[in-house]
Every structure is written in structure tokens, then in C-alpha cells.
Amino acid sequence: MGKLVLSPPGLLALLALPVLIFAAIARWAPRGSATPQLEFANVFPIPTLEALFFTLAGCVVVMFGLSLRRMLTAWNRGGRHGEILSELLPAFRAVATHERFTKCRQGRSKYFGHLLAFWGFAGLALTGTAVGVGTMLGVMRTPLPLASPFKLFANLCAVVILVGTTILLVDRLRDCEKLRHSTYFDWFFVLTLAGVAFTGVLSELLRLGQIAPAMYGMYFVHLVLIFALLAYAPYSKFAHLLYRTVAVAYSNGTGTGGTGQGDFRKERG
């Protein structure tokens, strides 16, 4: 899977998997009676989606855990040992605030883009998890009212992501040097993240307008992109967030300084 994420020809296979999964759900998943108003659940049943995405999230956590254990084992084999747990919070604070971007002249143009994309995604992930758990427990029902704090916050996070990814894309496109050195690996993550936010907003607008079948088609694309963003996280640039945090904590804990990034690149495989 890691090779597919790194290779442009692999994009077809990466997208084919969620396309087949959600096409099967739309065709064969058991669903309740149709509601008076058009809802996504009429085609994509909520219990089926919850079971799929929570299972997928669990698998991703396991893969991240195995990769981190392999990475730390390789580092410790090199004879460096130190306290990591106590350094995780300071390391996460440094990564979450993107403080290194403010210290590097070349990184300042990307500072706000990265910061907005990071916190926008974090907000959406938190909101989606909370609503998913709420619906599973029967204390929530989607679609949420427009005035719901969860709905308002999710829409705000989507806008924040769109602004952040737009800054990153414009910064990359207007700089010939950055554009020349940009790789498919870089484009895959930022475009997938932007696509998730963009199709999510369009899906909501189409549902509010009760425009079928366009709303179901757009939601289908939205689900495919969410799947791709989540399932391939341990292998895409998304993984940089977790591995970089642990690398910084490890470097601080061992007293070696720096970011540990060179060792990360060698051992994360």
C-alpha cells in the first residue's frame, strides 16, 4: 500500500477500493424506510457507515502502532535510549503550533496554510467522532439541524481547511522552484484533504436544496475521499504529523536535539 501511495499509477487502485465498497453499500446494504425528505441515509445507511469507518479507524491505529514500534526499535538498536513519554506533550505543542515555520524564512509562506489545514482537520475529526458515537448511542440523529453547535463547528472547520489548503496550493503553484520539486506524494495528501472539505460542503448544500440524484453522487465522492484520507494515512504525508511528533520527543528525550527526521526517513518503512 505504501508503494501505491508513492506511485501515480497506484491512484486508480487506491480509489477503486472505496468506490467498490460504497457502491456495494448503496446497492445491497440493509436500510430502513425512506424519510419524507431526501437524506443520505436513504442510500448510505448510517449504521453501515459507522461500522465501516470505526473499524477502519481501528485498523489505522493498529498500523500506526506497529510502524511506531518498528521505528523506535530500530532507533534503540542504534544504542540511543531516553525518556519519550514525558517529551510527547512538548513535542506535540511544537508540531501543533508549527513554531519551526516561524523561525524559517522560507517556511513563513506556508505557516498559515499548514496551521489552518491542521486545526481544521483536527476539528472535523473530533466532531465526526463525537457525532458518530452519539448516533451509535441513540442520543443524536443525522442530519443535524443547521443551528446545532456540532453542525456549525463542522462547517467552520471545513471552511478553515479550504482556506488552508488553498494557501498551500497557491504557494506551491506560484513558486516555480517549489512546483518543480513537488512530488505526487505531496499532492496526494493536500488534494485529498481539500477534496474532503469541498465535497462535504457541496453535499450539504445539495441536501439542503433537496437536489437528487446530485446530492447522492456528491456524497458518494465525499465518502470515497474520506476513506482514502483515513485508510492511507499511515502511508501518506498525513503520517508525518504522528511520526514527526514522536521523532521530536525521541530526540529531546535522548538529548540528541534536532528532529530525528533523518532516522525517521530510514526506519519508518
C-alpha atoms as a PDB file:
ATOM      1  CA  MET A   1       0.000   0.000   0.000  1.00  0.00           C
ATOM      2  CA  GLY A   2       2.886   2.320   0.732  1.00  0.00           C
ATOM      3  CA  LYS A   3       4.187   1.800  -2.796  1.00  0.00           C
ATOM      4  CA  LEU A   4       0.757   2.626  -4.256  1.00  0.00           C
ATOM      5  CA  VAL A   5       0.598   5.915  -2.336  1.00  0.00           C
ATOM      6  CA  LEU A   6       4.018   6.843  -3.690  1.00  0.00           C
ATOM      7  CA  SER A   7       3.198   5.983  -7.308  1.00  0.00           C
ATOM      8  CA  PRO A   8       0.820   7.975  -9.574  1.00  0.00           C
ATOM      9  CA  PRO A   9      -0.355   4.802 -11.373  1.00  0.00           C
ATOM     10  CA  GLY A  10      -1.374   3.443  -7.987  1.00  0.00           C
ATOM     11  CA  LEU A  11      -4.055   6.128  -7.605  1.00  0.00           C
ATOM     12  CA  LEU A  12      -6.526   4.068  -9.644  1.00  0.00           C
ATOM     13  CA  ALA A  13      -6.193   1.093  -7.299  1.00  0.00           C
ATOM     14  CA  LEU A  14      -6.338   3.295  -4.193  1.00  0.00           C
ATOM     15  CA  LEU A  15      -9.621   4.873  -5.299  1.00  0.00           C
ATOM     16  CA  ALA A  16     -11.071   1.698  -6.789  1.00  0.00           C
ATOM     17  CA  LEU A  17     -11.265   0.046  -3.360  1.00  0.00           C
ATOM     18  CA  PRO A  18     -13.532   2.653  -1.687  1.00  0.00           C
ATOM     19  CA  VAL A  19     -15.530   3.086  -4.918  1.00  0.00           C
ATOM     20  CA  LEU A  20     -16.392  -0.612  -4.896  1.00  0.00           C
ATOM     21  CA  ILE A  21     -17.125  -0.585  -1.158  1.00  0.00           C
ATOM     22  CA  PHE A  22     -19.548   2.337  -1.257  1.00  0.00           C
ATOM     23  CA  ALA A  23     -21.150   1.147  -4.481  1.00  0.00           C
ATOM     24  CA  ALA A  24     -21.854  -2.163  -2.720  1.00  0.00           C
ATOM     25  CA  ILE A  25     -23.263  -0.330   0.308  1.00  0.00           C
ATOM     26  CA  ALA A  26     -25.546   1.767  -1.891  1.00  0.00           C
ATOM     27  CA  ARG A  27     -26.739  -1.360  -3.708  1.00  0.00           C
ATOM     28  CA  TRP A  28     -27.034  -4.010  -1.020  1.00  0.00           C
ATOM     29  CA  ALA A  29     -26.786  -2.566   2.499  1.00  0.00           C
ATOM     30  CA  PRO A  30     -29.987  -3.002   4.543  1.00  0.00           C
ATOM     31  CA  ARG A  31     -31.800   0.261   5.138  1.00  0.00           C
ATOM     32  CA  GLY A  32     -34.935   1.443   6.852  1.00  0.00           C
ATOM     33  CA  SER A  33     -37.952   3.063   5.297  1.00  0.00           C
ATOM     34  CA  ALA A  34     -37.365   6.186   3.254  1.00  0.00           C
ATOM     35  CA  THR A  35     -37.839   9.512   5.032  1.00  0.00           C
ATOM     36  CA  PRO A  36     -40.219  12.226   3.736  1.00  0.00           C
ATOM     37  CA  GLN A  37     -37.234  14.427   2.960  1.00  0.00           C
ATOM     38  CA  LEU A  38     -34.225  13.250   0.981  1.00  0.00           C
ATOM     39  CA  GLU A  39     -31.437  12.095   3.314  1.00  0.00           C
ATOM     40  CA  PHE A  40     -28.092  10.471   2.644  1.00  0.00           C
ATOM     41  CA  ALA A  41     -29.114   7.586   4.908  1.00  0.00           C
ATOM     42  CA  ASN A  42     -31.737   6.588   2.335  1.00  0.00           C
ATOM     43  CA  VAL A  43     -28.881   5.346   0.124  1.00  0.00           C
ATOM     44  CA  PHE A  44     -25.973   5.014   2.570  1.00  0.00           C
ATOM     45  CA  PRO A  45     -27.363   3.654   5.891  1.00  0.00           C
ATOM     46  CA  ILE A  46     -25.800   5.287   8.921  1.00  0.00           C
ATOM     47  CA  PRO A  47     -25.200   2.031  10.920  1.00  0.00           C
ATOM     48  CA  THR A  48     -23.300   0.543   7.970  1.00  0.00           C
ATOM     49  CA  LEU A  49     -21.141   3.647   7.539  1.00  0.00           C
ATOM     50  CA  GLU A  50     -20.423   3.816  11.270  1.00  0.00           C
ATOM     51  CA  ALA A  51     -19.378   0.165  11.388  1.00  0.00           C
ATOM     52  CA  LEU A  52     -17.134   0.652   8.360  1.00  0.00           C
ATOM     53  CA  PHE A  53     -15.391   3.847   9.464  1.00  0.00           C
ATOM     54  CA  PHE A  54     -14.903   2.904  13.114  1.00  0.00           C
ATOM     55  CA  THR A  55     -13.453  -0.454  12.040  1.00  0.00           C
ATOM     56  CA  LEU A  56     -11.244   1.323   9.524  1.00  0.00           C
ATOM     57  CA  ALA A  57     -10.084   3.797  12.172  1.00  0.00           C
ATOM     58  CA  GLY A  58      -9.181   0.906  14.471  1.00  0.00           C
ATOM     59  CA  CYS A  59      -7.110  -0.731  11.717  1.00  0.00           C
ATOM     60  CA  VAL A  60      -5.312   2.568  11.053  1.00  0.00           C
ATOM     61  CA  VAL A  61      -4.460   2.941  14.756  1.00  0.00           C
ATOM     62  CA  VAL A  62      -3.029  -0.595  14.772  1.00  0.00           C
ATOM     63  CA  MET A  63      -0.913   0.123  11.675  1.00  0.00           C
ATOM     64  CA  PHE A  64       0.389   3.340  13.188  1.00  0.00           C
ATOM     65  CA  GLY A  65       1.236   1.474  16.391  1.00  0.00           C
ATOM     66  CA  LEU A  66       3.144  -1.266  14.567  1.00  0.00           C
ATOM     67  CA  SER A  67       5.046   1.291  12.499  1.00  0.00           C
ATOM     68  CA  LEU A  68       5.981   3.345  15.544  1.00  0.00           C
ATOM     69  CA  ARG A  69       7.169   0.263  17.419  1.00  0.00           C
ATOM     70  CA  ARG A  70       9.318  -0.761  14.454  1.00  0.00           C
ATOM     71  CA  MET A  71      10.728   2.756  14.183  1.00  0.00           C
ATOM     72  CA  LEU A  72      11.590   3.033  17.888  1.00  0.00           C
ATOM     73  CA  THR A  73      13.058  -0.474  17.944  1.00  0.00           C
ATOM     74  CA  ALA A  74      15.356   0.460  15.076  1.00  0.00           C
ATOM     75  CA  TRP A  75      16.452   3.644  16.850  1.00  0.00           C
ATOM     76  CA  ASN A  76      17.065   1.867  20.162  1.00  0.00           C
ATOM     77  CA  ARG A  77      19.084  -0.739  18.332  1.00  0.00           C
ATOM     78  CA  GLY A  78      21.444   2.074  17.476  1.00  0.00           C
ATOM     79  CA  GLY A  79      22.245   2.483  21.161  1.00  0.00           C
ATOM     80  CA  ARG A  80      20.206   5.623  21.920  1.00  0.00           C
ATOM     81  CA  HIS A  81      17.767   5.423  24.820  1.00  0.00           C
ATOM     82  CA  GLY A  82      15.839   8.147  26.558  1.00  0.00           C
ATOM     83  CA  GLU A  83      12.561   9.254  28.095  1.00  0.00           C
ATOM     84  CA  ILE A  84       9.963   9.750  25.367  1.00  0.00           C
ATOM     85  CA  LEU A  85       6.594   9.876  27.147  1.00  0.00           C
ATOM     86  CA  SER A  86       7.471  12.959  29.176  1.00  0.00           C
ATOM     87  CA  GLU A  87       8.563  14.713  25.975  1.00  0.00           C
ATOM     88  CA  LEU A  88       5.461  13.902  23.913  1.00  0.00           C
ATOM     89  CA  LEU A  89       3.392  16.858  25.123  1.00  0.00           C
ATOM     90  CA  PRO A  90       6.103  19.480  24.433  1.00  0.00           C
ATOM     91  CA  ALA A  91       6.780  17.821  21.072  1.00  0.00           C
ATOM     92  CA  PHE A  92       3.097  17.854  20.136  1.00  0.00           C
ATOM     93  CA  ARG A  93       2.840  21.500  21.184  1.00  0.00           C
ATOM     94  CA  ALA A  94       5.752  22.368  18.900  1.00  0.00           C
ATOM     95  CA  VAL A  95       4.244  20.476  15.981  1.00  0.00           C
ATOM     96  CA  ALA A  96       0.673  21.710  16.564  1.00  0.00           C
ATOM     97  CA  THR A  97       1.734  25.348  16.723  1.00  0.00           C
ATOM     98  CA  HIS A  98       4.108  24.936  13.761  1.00  0.00           C
ATOM     99  CA  GLU A  99       6.628  27.065  15.617  1.00  0.00           C
ATOM    100  CA  ARG A 100       9.504  25.943  13.383  1.00  0.00           C
ATOM    101  CA  PHE A 101       7.809  27.593  10.388  1.00  0.00           C
ATOM    102  CA  THR A 102       8.006  30.962  12.119  1.00  0.00           C
ATOM    103  CA  LYS A 103      11.760  30.561  12.593  1.00  0.00           C
ATOM    104  CA  CYS A 104      12.476  29.719   8.966  1.00  0.00           C
ATOM    105  CA  ARG A 105      12.176  32.474   6.381  1.00  0.00           C
ATOM    106  CA  GLN A 106      11.333  30.025   3.611  1.00  0.00           C
ATOM    107  CA  GLY A 107       8.648  28.380   5.737  1.00  0.00           C
ATOM    108  CA  ARG A 108       6.709  31.505   6.663  1.00  0.00           C
ATOM    109  CA  SER A 109       4.680  31.466   3.456  1.00  0.00           C
ATOM    110  CA  LYS A 110       3.368  28.021   4.376  1.00  0.00           C
ATOM    111  CA  TYR A 111       2.832  28.716   8.062  1.00  0.00           C
ATOM    112  CA  PHE A 112      -0.825  29.764   7.965  1.00  0.00           C
ATOM    113  CA  GLY A 113      -1.701  27.179   5.324  1.00  0.00           C
ATOM    114  CA  HIS A 114      -0.333  24.310   7.398  1.00  0.00           C
ATOM    115  CA  LEU A 115      -1.758  25.690  10.626  1.00  0.00           C
ATOM    116  CA  LEU A 116      -5.271  26.140   9.235  1.00  0.00           C
ATOM    117  CA  ALA A 117      -5.284  22.758   7.483  1.00  0.00           C
ATOM    118  CA  PHE A 118      -4.052  21.021  10.629  1.00  0.00           C
ATOM    119  CA  TRP A 119      -6.560  22.524  13.056  1.00  0.00           C
ATOM    120  CA  GLY A 120      -9.410  22.364  10.565  1.00  0.00           C
ATOM    121  CA  PHE A 121      -8.855  18.648  10.110  1.00  0.00           C
ATOM    122  CA  ALA A 122      -8.440  18.104  13.862  1.00  0.00           C
ATOM    123  CA  GLY A 123     -11.757  19.858  14.466  1.00  0.00           C
ATOM    124  CA  LEU A 124     -13.577  17.824  11.824  1.00  0.00           C
ATOM    125  CA  ALA A 125     -12.111  14.561  13.107  1.00  0.00           C
ATOM    126  CA  LEU A 126     -13.178  15.375  16.662  1.00  0.00           C
ATOM    127  CA  THR A 127     -16.670  16.451  15.592  1.00  0.00           C
ATOM    128  CA  GLY A 128     -17.161  13.436  13.321  1.00  0.00           C
ATOM    129  CA  THR A 129     -16.125  11.058  16.091  1.00  0.00           C
ATOM    130  CA  ALA A 130     -18.413  12.716  18.632  1.00  0.00           C
ATOM    131  CA  VAL A 131     -21.412  12.666  16.284  1.00  0.00           C
ATOM    132  CA  GLY A 132     -20.665   9.074  15.266  1.00  0.00           C
ATOM    133  CA  VAL A 133     -20.598   7.934  18.877  1.00  0.00           C
ATOM    134  CA  GLY A 134     -23.718   9.975  19.599  1.00  0.00           C
ATOM    135  CA  THR A 135     -25.698   8.343  16.801  1.00  0.00           C
ATOM    136  CA  MET A 136     -24.499   4.881  17.816  1.00  0.00           C
ATOM    137  CA  LEU A 137     -25.723   5.524  21.374  1.00  0.00           C
ATOM    138  CA  GLY A 138     -29.022   6.876  20.083  1.00  0.00           C
ATOM    139  CA  VAL A 139     -28.624  10.358  21.558  1.00  0.00           C
ATOM    140  CA  MET A 140     -28.140  12.029  18.160  1.00  0.00           C
ATOM    141  CA  ARG A 141     -29.723  11.738  14.764  1.00  0.00           C
ATOM    142  CA  THR A 142     -28.259  12.966  11.498  1.00  0.00           C
ATOM    143  CA  PRO A 143     -28.632  15.170   9.589  1.00  0.00           C
ATOM    144  CA  LEU A 144     -28.191  17.574  12.475  1.00  0.00           C
ATOM    145  CA  PRO A 145     -30.114  20.867  12.472  1.00  0.00           C
ATOM    146  CA  LEU A 146     -28.242  23.784  10.925  1.00  0.00           C
ATOM    147  CA  ALA A 147     -28.231  25.548  14.298  1.00  0.00           C
ATOM    148  CA  SER A 148     -26.616  22.579  16.045  1.00  0.00           C
ATOM    149  CA  PRO A 149     -23.267  23.528  17.630  1.00  0.00           C
ATOM    150  CA  PHE A 150     -21.749  20.393  16.062  1.00  0.00           C
ATOM    151  CA  LYS A 151     -23.008  21.377  12.617  1.00  0.00           C
ATOM    152  CA  LEU A 152     -21.812  24.972  12.964  1.00  0.00           C
ATOM    153  CA  PHE A 153     -18.398  23.895  14.191  1.00  0.00           C
ATOM    154  CA  ALA A 154     -18.018  21.272  11.439  1.00  0.00           C
ATOM    155  CA  ASN A 155     -18.893  23.823   8.755  1.00  0.00           C
ATOM    156  CA  LEU A 156     -16.401  26.269  10.240  1.00  0.00           C
ATOM    157  CA  CYS A 157     -13.690  23.582  10.221  1.00  0.00           C
ATOM    158  CA  ALA A 158     -14.457  22.758   6.578  1.00  0.00           C
ATOM    159  CA  VAL A 159     -14.017  26.420   5.616  1.00  0.00           C
ATOM    160  CA  VAL A 160     -10.770  26.584   7.607  1.00  0.00           C
ATOM    161  CA  ILE A 161      -9.449  23.530   5.738  1.00  0.00           C
ATOM    162  CA  LEU A 162     -10.386  25.025   2.381  1.00  0.00           C
ATOM    163  CA  VAL A 163      -8.621  28.280   3.209  1.00  0.00           C
ATOM    164  CA  GLY A 164      -5.547  26.461   4.487  1.00  0.00           C
ATOM    165  CA  THR A 165      -5.222  24.068   1.549  1.00  0.00           C
ATOM    166  CA  THR A 166      -5.827  26.931  -0.897  1.00  0.00           C
ATOM    167  CA  ILE A 167      -2.922  28.848   0.660  1.00  0.00           C
ATOM    168  CA  LEU A 168      -0.697  25.775   0.326  1.00  0.00           C
ATOM    169  CA  LEU A 169      -1.697  25.120  -3.285  1.00  0.00           C
ATOM    170  CA  VAL A 170      -1.310  28.753  -4.356  1.00  0.00           C
ATOM    171  CA  ASP A 171       2.049  28.972  -2.597  1.00  0.00           C
ATOM    172  CA  ARG A 172       3.228  25.871  -4.441  1.00  0.00           C
ATOM    173  CA  LEU A 173       1.874  26.876  -7.855  1.00  0.00           C
ATOM    174  CA  ARG A 174       3.244  30.413  -7.865  1.00  0.00           C
ATOM    175  CA  ASP A 175       6.770  29.328  -6.899  1.00  0.00           C
ATOM    176  CA  CYS A 176       8.437  27.603  -9.861  1.00  0.00           C
ATOM    177  CA  GLU A 177      11.138  26.150  -7.612  1.00  0.00           C
ATOM    178  CA  LYS A 178       8.611  24.590  -5.217  1.00  0.00           C
ATOM    179  CA  LEU A 179       6.485  23.370  -8.110  1.00  0.00           C
ATOM    180  CA  ARG A 180       9.460  21.689  -9.747  1.00  0.00           C
ATOM    181  CA  HIS A 181      10.367  19.857  -6.539  1.00  0.00           C
ATOM    182  CA  SER A 182       6.792  18.928  -5.601  1.00  0.00           C
ATOM    183  CA  THR A 183       6.072  15.214  -5.854  1.00  0.00           C
ATOM    184  CA  TYR A 184       2.975  13.109  -6.292  1.00  0.00           C
ATOM    185  CA  PHE A 185       3.366  12.179  -2.613  1.00  0.00           C
ATOM    186  CA  ASP A 186       2.952  15.872  -1.699  1.00  0.00           C
ATOM    187  CA  TRP A 187      -0.028  16.460  -3.983  1.00  0.00           C
ATOM    188  CA  PHE A 188      -1.930  13.321  -2.921  1.00  0.00           C
ATOM    189  CA  PHE A 189      -2.463  14.408   0.659  1.00  0.00           C
ATOM    190  CA  VAL A 190      -3.256  18.096   0.193  1.00  0.00           C
ATOM    191  CA  LEU A 191      -5.659  17.483  -2.702  1.00  0.00           C
ATOM    192  CA  THR A 192      -7.426  14.658  -0.860  1.00  0.00           C
ATOM    193  CA  LEU A 193      -7.853  16.833   2.230  1.00  0.00           C
ATOM    194  CA  ALA A 194      -9.142  19.757   0.152  1.00  0.00           C
ATOM    195  CA  GLY A 195     -11.449  17.371  -1.710  1.00  0.00           C
ATOM    196  CA  VAL A 196     -12.946  16.054   1.532  1.00  0.00           C
ATOM    197  CA  ALA A 197     -13.827  19.568   2.715  1.00  0.00           C
ATOM    198  CA  PHE A 198     -15.050  20.746  -0.695  1.00  0.00           C
ATOM    199  CA  THR A 199     -17.291  17.745  -1.416  1.00  0.00           C
ATOM    200  CA  GLY A 200     -18.585  17.835   2.161  1.00  0.00           C
ATOM    201  CA  VAL A 201     -19.769  21.424   1.769  1.00  0.00           C
ATOM    202  CA  LEU A 202     -21.301  20.700  -1.643  1.00  0.00           C
ATOM    203  CA  SER A 203     -23.048  17.596  -0.318  1.00  0.00           C
ATOM    204  CA  GLU A 204     -24.628  19.618   2.473  1.00  0.00           C
ATOM    205  CA  LEU A 205     -25.780  22.361   0.110  1.00  0.00           C
ATOM    206  CA  LEU A 206     -27.272  19.842  -2.324  1.00  0.00           C
ATOM    207  CA  ARG A 207     -29.086  18.076   0.525  1.00  0.00           C
ATOM    208  CA  LEU A 208     -30.487  21.350   1.806  1.00  0.00           C
ATOM    209  CA  GLY A 209     -31.703  22.056  -1.723  1.00  0.00           C
ATOM    210  CA  GLN A 210     -33.114  18.511  -1.938  1.00  0.00           C
ATOM    211  CA  ILE A 211     -31.420  18.055  -5.305  1.00  0.00           C
ATOM    212  CA  ALA A 212     -31.369  14.386  -6.246  1.00  0.00           C
ATOM    213  CA  PRO A 213     -29.566  12.434  -7.570  1.00  0.00           C
ATOM    214  CA  ALA A 214     -26.760  15.039  -7.447  1.00  0.00           C
ATOM    215  CA  MET A 215     -26.681  15.034  -3.638  1.00  0.00           C
ATOM    216  CA  TYR A 216     -26.173  11.270  -3.510  1.00  0.00           C
ATOM    217  CA  GLY A 217     -23.494  11.371  -6.191  1.00  0.00           C
ATOM    218  CA  MET A 218     -21.584  14.130  -4.418  1.00  0.00           C
ATOM    219  CA  TYR A 219     -21.881  12.340  -1.094  1.00  0.00           C
ATOM    220  CA  PHE A 220     -20.544   9.190  -2.743  1.00  0.00           C
ATOM    221  CA  VAL A 221     -17.421  11.105  -3.851  1.00  0.00           C
ATOM    222  CA  HIS A 222     -17.167  12.601  -0.346  1.00  0.00           C
ATOM    223  CA  LEU A 223     -17.198   9.144   1.260  1.00  0.00           C
ATOM    224  CA  VAL A 224     -14.589   7.834  -1.176  1.00  0.00           C
ATOM    225  CA  LEU A 225     -12.238  10.710  -0.338  1.00  0.00           C
ATOM    226  CA  ILE A 226     -12.779  10.321   3.425  1.00  0.00           C
ATOM    227  CA  PHE A 227     -11.927   6.632   3.097  1.00  0.00           C
ATOM    228  CA  ALA A 228      -8.776   7.454   1.122  1.00  0.00           C
ATOM    229  CA  LEU A 229      -7.687  10.124   3.608  1.00  0.00           C
ATOM    230  CA  LEU A 230      -8.164   7.793   6.583  1.00  0.00           C
ATOM    231  CA  ALA A 231      -7.187   4.372   5.227  1.00  0.00           C
ATOM    232  CA  TYR A 232      -3.958   5.531   3.610  1.00  0.00           C
ATOM    233  CA  ALA A 233      -2.954   7.856   6.464  1.00  0.00           C
ATOM    234  CA  PRO A 234      -0.088   5.630   7.724  1.00  0.00           C
ATOM    235  CA  TYR A 235       1.465   5.705   4.239  1.00  0.00           C
ATOM    236  CA  SER A 236       0.742   9.248   3.043  1.00  0.00           C
ATOM    237  CA  LYS A 237       2.144  12.614   4.096  1.00  0.00           C
ATOM    238  CA  PHE A 238      -0.552  12.621   6.758  1.00  0.00           C
ATOM    239  CA  ALA A 239       1.662  10.223   8.746  1.00  0.00           C
ATOM    240  CA  HIS A 240       4.239  12.990   9.055  1.00  0.00           C
ATOM    241  CA  LEU A 241       2.179  14.502  11.882  1.00  0.00           C
ATOM    242  CA  LEU A 242       2.470  11.445  14.120  1.00  0.00           C
ATOM    243  CA  TYR A 243       5.968  10.312  13.192  1.00  0.00           C
ATOM    244  CA  ARG A 244       7.387  13.817  13.380  1.00  0.00           C
ATOM    245  CA  THR A 245       5.910  14.314  16.860  1.00  0.00           C
ATOM    246  CA  VAL A 246       7.447  11.066  18.113  1.00  0.00           C
ATOM    247  CA  ALA A 247      10.748  11.903  16.391  1.00  0.00           C
ATOM    248  CA  VAL A 248      10.937  15.278  18.146  1.00  0.00           C
ATOM    249  CA  ALA A 249      10.061  13.685  21.503  1.00  0.00           C
ATOM    250  CA  TYR A 250      12.667  10.975  20.948  1.00  0.00           C
ATOM    251  CA  SER A 251      15.358  13.474  20.027  1.00  0.00           C
ATOM    252  CA  ASN A 252      14.584  15.602  23.079  1.00  0.00           C
ATOM    253  CA  GLY A 253      14.404  12.552  25.326  1.00  0.00           C
ATOM    254  CA  THR A 254      17.749  11.202  24.189  1.00  0.00           C
ATOM    255  CA  GLY A 255      19.373  14.610  24.338  1.00  0.00           C
ATOM    256  CA  THR A 256      20.404  14.451  20.698  1.00  0.00           C
ATOM    257  CA  GLY A 257      18.480  17.579  19.676  1.00  0.00           C
ATOM    258  CA  GLY A 258      17.152  18.131  16.180  1.00  0.00           C
ATOM    259  CA  THR A 259      14.069  16.350  14.925  1.00  0.00           C
ATOM    260  CA  GLY A 260      15.143  12.790  14.380  1.00  0.00           C
ATOM    261  CA  GLN A 261      13.843  13.252  10.875  1.00  0.00           C
ATOM    262  CA  GLY A 262      16.791  11.612   9.154  1.00  0.00           C
ATOM    263  CA  ASP A 263      16.384   8.400  11.152  1.00  0.00           C
ATOM    264  CA  PHE A 264      12.633   8.543  10.611  1.00  0.00           C
ATOM    265  CA  ARG A 265      13.067   8.522   6.856  1.00  0.00           C
ATOM    266  CA  LYS A 266      15.312   5.471   7.074  1.00  0.00           C
ATOM    267  CA  GLU A 267      13.350   3.418   9.578  1.00  0.00           C
ATOM    268  CA  ARG A 268       9.650   4.229   9.136  1.00  0.00           C
ATOM    269  CA  GLY A 269       9.285   1.632   6.323  1.00  0.00           C
END
